[in-house]
Amino acid sequence: MTLAQAPIPARQRPWWTGPSFLLGAALTGLIVGLALISWLWTPYPPTQMMILNRLKPPSGANWFGTDQFGRDVLSMIMVGARNSLAVGLGAVGIGMILGATLGLLAAIRRDGWLDNLIMRTADFTHAFPAVLTAIMITAIAGPGMLNAVVAIGVLNLPYFARLARGAALQIWTQDYIQAARAAGLDNWQITGRHVLPNIAGVLVVQATIQFALAILAEAGLSYLGLGTQPPNPSWGRMLNEAQTFMAMQPWLAVFPGAAIAVTVLGFNLLGDGLRDALDPRLRRAR
């Protein structure tokens, strides 16, 4: 083997060629692609009921079969992907923006009463089981996609607040922060120019992980009837409706369950790949 043909050592390969990132990007891209295509086309209208075609097994006409109302399962999976991603995006957006803001504020006022108030509130919120808290919030506010977004977003707040505070405190100890102070910048200017850009990477990685958890939480709420409401398709509600027919038509549960599993796995692997790219310690190791 010549020098030109020698394989590149694993530690010198670009981060985007890592197996975690490639597989995560492929799985995530598949789900996002289905969601985008569903805006323009589905094999059948996802809410159209055809009783004569109820409980048909997978075939050329209906690739994933039909449910107890004759609706095309593939069409429902595609639109369900759109709804699940919308809930995840909204919930993670709420958690990251508000949580990171609170965490940065706590880092600025470190060791003060405001820092203690924010962190103790985050600890109190984090102490309750996440799904149980989401169920309580949606039960009080009422079922629906918007309330599910708010409930899951509230659950994400303590994760991002604690992460942003911890990462920001490390940045505040750096020498260039002291130089910025000497240059006349106040705390808010330093946060915007130096602290936030340096912790953005860890926030993005955490967002991918929380996105996967948000998909699971939305499926759980929909399974209980507290998430996305009919006639809008939802993976969790599809699982709930399929349990009656598990012995006769197991595909009704297999396909939405597989969609949830693929989505969660994809975002987790994508987060691992992004961590390898955005973590400065790992970059130095390579």
Protein backbone atom coordinates (compact mmCIF):
# COMPACT_ATOMS: atom_id res chain seq x y z
CA MET A 1 0.00 0.00 0.00
CA THR A 2 1.43 3.36 -1.03
CA LEU A 3 1.44 6.45 1.15
CA ALA A 4 -1.30 8.02 -0.99
CA GLN A 5 -3.52 5.01 -0.39
CA ALA A 6 -3.00 4.83 3.38
CA PRO A 7 -6.22 5.35 5.34
CA ILE A 8 -6.66 8.57 7.26
CA PRO A 9 -6.33 7.99 11.02
CA ALA A 10 -9.70 8.20 12.77
CA ARG A 11 -8.62 11.17 14.92
CA GLN A 12 -7.65 13.18 11.82
CA ARG A 13 -10.87 12.60 9.89
CA PRO A 14 -13.32 15.51 9.57
CA TRP A 15 -16.01 15.42 12.25
CA TRP A 16 -18.79 15.25 9.68
CA THR A 17 -17.54 11.85 8.49
CA GLY A 18 -18.01 10.30 11.93
CA PRO A 19 -20.45 7.37 12.02
CA SER A 20 -22.64 8.94 14.72
CA PHE A 21 -23.11 12.16 12.81
CA LEU A 22 -23.66 10.47 9.44
CA LEU A 23 -26.23 7.99 10.77
CA GLY A 24 -27.93 10.65 12.88
CA ALA A 25 -28.08 13.07 9.95
CA ALA A 26 -29.49 10.34 7.68
CA LEU A 27 -32.23 9.30 10.13
CA THR A 28 -33.10 12.89 11.01
CA GLY A 29 -33.10 13.87 7.35
CA LEU A 30 -35.49 11.01 6.58
CA ILE A 31 -38.02 12.17 9.16
CA VAL A 32 -37.67 15.85 8.24
CA GLY A 33 -38.00 14.94 4.56
CA LEU A 34 -41.24 13.04 5.23
CA ALA A 35 -42.56 16.01 7.18
CA LEU A 36 -41.73 18.47 4.40
CA ILE A 37 -43.15 16.24 1.67
CA SER A 38 -46.38 15.89 3.66
CA TRP A 39 -47.05 19.61 3.13
CA LEU A 40 -47.23 19.01 -0.63
CA TRP A 41 -48.23 15.36 -1.06
CA THR A 42 -49.39 12.26 0.78
CA PRO A 43 -50.52 8.99 -0.82
CA TYR A 44 -54.05 9.62 0.48
CA PRO A 45 -55.70 12.37 2.50
CA PRO A 46 -54.58 11.49 6.05
CA THR A 47 -58.02 12.08 7.59
CA GLN A 48 -60.06 10.43 4.83
CA MET A 49 -62.04 7.45 6.15
CA MET A 50 -62.79 4.53 3.84
CA ILE A 51 -64.64 1.96 5.89
CA LEU A 52 -64.63 -0.59 3.07
CA ASN A 53 -60.81 -0.59 3.19
CA ARG A 54 -60.45 -0.82 6.97
CA LEU A 55 -57.65 -2.90 8.50
CA LYS A 56 -56.01 -3.73 5.18
CA PRO A 57 -52.50 -5.20 5.50
CA PRO A 58 -49.52 -3.49 3.83
CA SER A 59 -49.79 -3.72 0.05
CA GLY A 60 -48.92 -1.89 -3.12
CA ALA A 61 -51.98 0.32 -2.73
CA ASN A 62 -51.33 1.06 0.94
CA TRP A 63 -47.67 0.54 1.77
CA PHE A 64 -48.24 0.61 5.53
CA GLY A 65 -51.79 -0.71 5.45
CA THR A 66 -54.93 1.00 6.75
CA ASP A 67 -56.33 1.51 10.24
CA GLN A 68 -59.72 0.66 11.73
CA PHE A 69 -61.31 3.61 9.93
CA GLY A 70 -59.74 2.86 6.55
CA ARG A 71 -57.23 5.71 6.78
CA ASP A 72 -53.87 5.23 5.09
CA VAL A 73 -51.23 4.61 7.77
CA LEU A 74 -48.33 5.95 5.68
CA SER A 75 -50.13 9.24 5.11
CA MET A 76 -50.81 9.52 8.83
CA ILE A 77 -47.16 8.75 9.64
CA MET A 78 -46.01 11.51 7.28
CA VAL A 79 -48.35 14.15 8.72
CA GLY A 80 -47.63 12.88 12.24
CA ALA A 81 -43.95 13.56 11.60
CA ARG A 82 -44.82 17.15 10.76
CA ASN A 83 -46.86 17.57 13.93
CA SER A 84 -44.25 15.91 16.15
CA LEU A 85 -41.41 18.02 14.76
CA ALA A 86 -43.51 21.18 15.16
CA VAL A 87 -44.13 20.37 18.83
CA GLY A 88 -40.47 19.51 19.39
CA LEU A 89 -39.25 22.68 17.67
CA GLY A 90 -41.60 24.90 19.62
CA ALA A 91 -40.91 23.23 22.96
CA VAL A 92 -37.12 23.22 22.57
CA GLY A 93 -37.21 26.80 21.30
CA ILE A 94 -39.10 27.95 24.40
CA GLY A 95 -36.81 26.00 26.71
CA MET A 96 -33.57 27.10 25.09
CA ILE A 97 -34.37 30.80 24.70
CA LEU A 98 -35.92 31.34 28.12
CA GLY A 99 -33.73 28.83 29.95
CA ALA A 100 -30.46 30.11 28.47
CA THR A 101 -31.50 33.69 29.23
CA LEU A 102 -32.16 32.81 32.87
CA GLY A 103 -28.88 30.88 33.08
CA LEU A 104 -26.86 33.78 31.65
CA LEU A 105 -28.59 36.18 34.02
CA ALA A 106 -27.74 33.91 36.95
CA ALA A 107 -24.11 33.79 35.81
CA ILE A 108 -23.96 37.58 35.68
CA ARG A 109 -25.43 37.86 39.19
CA ARG A 110 -23.49 34.85 40.47
CA ASP A 111 -23.63 34.18 44.21
CA GLY A 112 -26.39 36.75 44.59
CA TRP A 113 -30.03 36.39 45.55
CA LEU A 114 -31.16 36.35 41.91
CA ASP A 115 -28.74 33.53 41.09
CA ASN A 116 -30.00 31.52 44.05
CA LEU A 117 -33.64 32.17 43.14
CA ILE A 118 -33.17 31.02 39.53
CA MET A 119 -31.16 27.94 40.42
CA ARG A 120 -33.39 26.84 43.30
CA THR A 121 -36.46 27.24 41.07
CA ALA A 122 -34.72 25.17 38.42
CA ASP A 123 -33.89 22.51 41.01
CA PHE A 124 -37.48 22.49 42.22
CA THR A 125 -38.83 22.09 38.69
CA HIS A 126 -36.26 19.43 37.85
CA ALA A 127 -37.21 17.39 40.94
CA PHE A 128 -40.62 16.46 39.53
CA PRO A 129 -40.96 13.67 36.94
CA ALA A 130 -41.01 15.32 33.52
CA VAL A 131 -43.88 13.40 31.94
CA LEU A 132 -45.99 13.65 35.09
CA THR A 133 -45.49 17.42 35.15
CA ALA A 134 -46.45 17.67 31.46
CA ILE A 135 -49.57 15.62 32.12
CA MET A 136 -50.49 17.91 35.02
CA ILE A 137 -49.99 21.08 32.95
CA THR A 138 -51.98 19.83 29.96
CA ALA A 139 -54.70 18.45 32.23
CA ILE A 140 -55.09 21.90 33.81
CA ALA A 141 -54.72 23.96 30.61
CA GLY A 142 -56.60 21.49 28.45
CA PRO A 143 -55.48 19.06 25.72
CA GLY A 144 -54.08 20.34 22.45
CA MET A 145 -50.88 20.83 20.48
CA LEU A 146 -50.23 24.37 21.74
CA ASN A 147 -50.62 23.40 25.37
CA ALA A 148 -48.34 20.41 24.79
CA VAL A 149 -45.70 22.75 23.36
CA VAL A 150 -45.92 25.01 26.41
CA ALA A 151 -45.87 22.09 28.86
CA ILE A 152 -42.84 20.43 27.28
CA GLY A 153 -41.14 23.82 26.89
CA VAL A 154 -41.51 24.47 30.63
CA LEU A 155 -39.87 21.12 31.32
CA ASN A 156 -36.88 22.13 29.19
CA LEU A 157 -36.25 25.37 31.10
CA PRO A 158 -34.19 23.96 34.00
CA TYR A 159 -31.96 21.91 31.69
CA PHE A 160 -30.93 24.91 29.63
CA ALA A 161 -30.76 27.26 32.62
CA ARG A 162 -28.34 25.02 34.53
CA LEU A 163 -26.27 24.29 31.44
CA ALA A 164 -26.02 27.94 30.39
CA ARG A 165 -25.07 29.06 33.90
CA GLY A 166 -22.39 26.40 34.32
CA ALA A 167 -20.84 27.03 30.90
CA ALA A 168 -21.02 30.80 31.33
CA LEU A 169 -19.29 30.71 34.72
CA GLN A 170 -16.32 28.98 33.09
CA ILE A 171 -16.13 31.71 30.45
CA TRP A 172 -16.29 34.47 33.06
CA THR A 173 -13.00 33.22 34.57
CA GLN A 174 -11.03 33.62 31.34
CA ASP A 175 -8.38 36.31 30.91
CA TYR A 176 -10.03 37.86 27.87
CA ILE A 177 -13.09 38.63 29.97
CA GLN A 178 -10.89 40.71 32.27
CA ALA A 179 -9.45 42.43 29.21
CA ALA A 180 -12.99 43.20 28.04
CA ARG A 181 -13.76 44.72 31.45
CA ALA A 182 -10.62 46.83 31.21
CA ALA A 183 -11.81 48.01 27.80
CA GLY A 184 -14.96 49.41 29.41
CA LEU A 185 -17.53 46.78 28.46
CA ASP A 186 -20.33 46.15 30.94
CA ASN A 187 -21.67 42.74 31.92
CA TRP A 188 -24.37 42.67 29.25
CA GLN A 189 -21.95 43.63 26.48
CA ILE A 190 -19.48 40.97 27.61
CA THR A 191 -22.27 38.40 27.70
CA GLY A 192 -23.40 39.25 24.18
CA ARG A 193 -19.95 39.51 22.61
CA HIS A 194 -17.96 36.83 24.42
CA VAL A 195 -19.99 34.57 26.71
CA LEU A 196 -22.95 33.65 24.51
CA PRO A 197 -20.91 32.86 21.36
CA ASN A 198 -18.64 30.57 23.38
CA ILE A 199 -21.46 28.56 24.95
CA ALA A 200 -23.64 28.38 21.83
CA GLY A 201 -22.11 25.02 20.89
CA VAL A 202 -23.09 23.25 24.09
CA LEU A 203 -26.58 24.75 23.88
CA VAL A 204 -27.03 23.39 20.35
CA VAL A 205 -25.91 19.93 21.42
CA GLN A 206 -28.29 19.99 24.39
CA ALA A 207 -31.07 21.16 22.07
CA THR A 208 -30.74 18.04 19.91
CA ILE A 209 -30.97 15.84 23.01
CA GLN A 210 -33.98 17.72 24.36
CA PHE A 211 -35.59 17.56 20.92
CA ALA A 212 -35.54 13.77 21.09
CA LEU A 213 -37.04 13.88 24.60
CA ALA A 214 -39.68 16.33 23.40
CA ILE A 215 -40.73 13.90 20.66
CA LEU A 216 -41.12 11.17 23.29
CA ALA A 217 -43.05 13.50 25.61
CA GLU A 218 -45.40 14.57 22.82
CA ALA A 219 -46.03 10.95 21.88
CA GLY A 220 -46.77 10.13 25.52
CA LEU A 221 -49.20 13.03 25.89
CA SER A 222 -50.95 12.12 22.64
CA TYR A 223 -51.16 8.50 23.74
CA LEU A 224 -53.04 9.70 26.82
CA GLY A 225 -55.25 12.01 24.75
CA LEU A 226 -53.63 15.22 26.04
CA GLY A 227 -51.47 16.12 23.04
CA THR A 228 -52.34 16.62 19.38
CA GLN A 229 -56.09 16.24 19.00
CA PRO A 230 -58.12 14.51 16.26
CA PRO A 231 -58.42 14.71 13.35
CA ASN A 232 -54.72 15.72 13.20
CA PRO A 233 -52.59 12.56 13.08
CA SER A 234 -50.23 11.86 15.97
CA TRP A 235 -47.83 8.98 16.46
CA GLY A 236 -48.75 8.62 20.12
CA ARG A 237 -52.49 8.47 19.45
CA MET A 238 -51.89 5.97 16.63
CA LEU A 239 -50.20 3.71 19.19
CA ASN A 240 -53.14 4.13 21.54
CA GLU A 241 -55.64 3.20 18.85
CA ALA A 242 -53.51 0.26 17.66
CA GLN A 243 -53.38 -1.55 21.00
CA THR A 244 -56.88 -2.93 20.47
CA PHE A 245 -55.80 -4.67 17.28
CA MET A 246 -52.34 -5.90 18.31
CA ALA A 247 -53.22 -9.58 17.96
CA MET A 248 -54.74 -9.21 14.49
CA GLN A 249 -52.99 -6.24 12.85
CA PRO A 250 -49.67 -5.59 14.64
CA TRP A 251 -48.44 -3.28 11.87
CA LEU A 252 -50.73 -0.58 13.21
CA ALA A 253 -48.38 -0.26 16.20
CA VAL A 254 -45.14 -1.21 14.46
CA PHE A 255 -45.00 1.71 12.04
CA PRO A 256 -45.72 4.64 14.43
CA GLY A 257 -43.52 2.99 17.06
CA ALA A 258 -40.71 2.68 14.53
CA ALA A 259 -41.17 6.33 13.53
CA ILE A 260 -40.76 7.43 17.15
CA ALA A 261 -37.72 5.19 17.64
CA VAL A 262 -36.02 6.37 14.43
CA THR A 263 -36.61 10.02 15.28
CA VAL A 264 -35.29 9.73 18.83
CA LEU A 265 -32.27 7.70 17.72
CA GLY A 266 -31.52 10.11 14.89
CA PHE A 267 -31.50 13.22 17.06
CA ASN A 268 -29.44 11.52 19.77
CA LEU A 269 -26.80 10.40 17.26
CA LEU A 270 -26.86 13.84 15.65
CA GLY A 271 -26.22 15.38 19.05
CA ASP A 272 -23.24 13.08 19.57
CA GLY A 273 -21.80 14.12 16.22
CA LEU A 274 -22.33 17.81 16.88
CA ARG A 275 -20.71 17.45 20.30
CA ASP A 276 -17.61 16.04 18.64
CA ALA A 277 -17.58 19.06 16.32
CA LEU A 278 -18.42 21.84 18.76
CA ASP A 279 -16.64 20.75 21.95
CA PRO A 280 -13.27 22.56 21.94
CA ARG A 281 -11.65 19.86 24.11
CA LEU A 282 -12.54 17.18 21.57
CA ARG A 283 -11.26 19.38 18.72
CA ARG A 284 -7.93 19.76 20.49
CA ALA A 285 -7.77 16.00 21.02
CA ARG A 286 -8.16 15.45 17.28
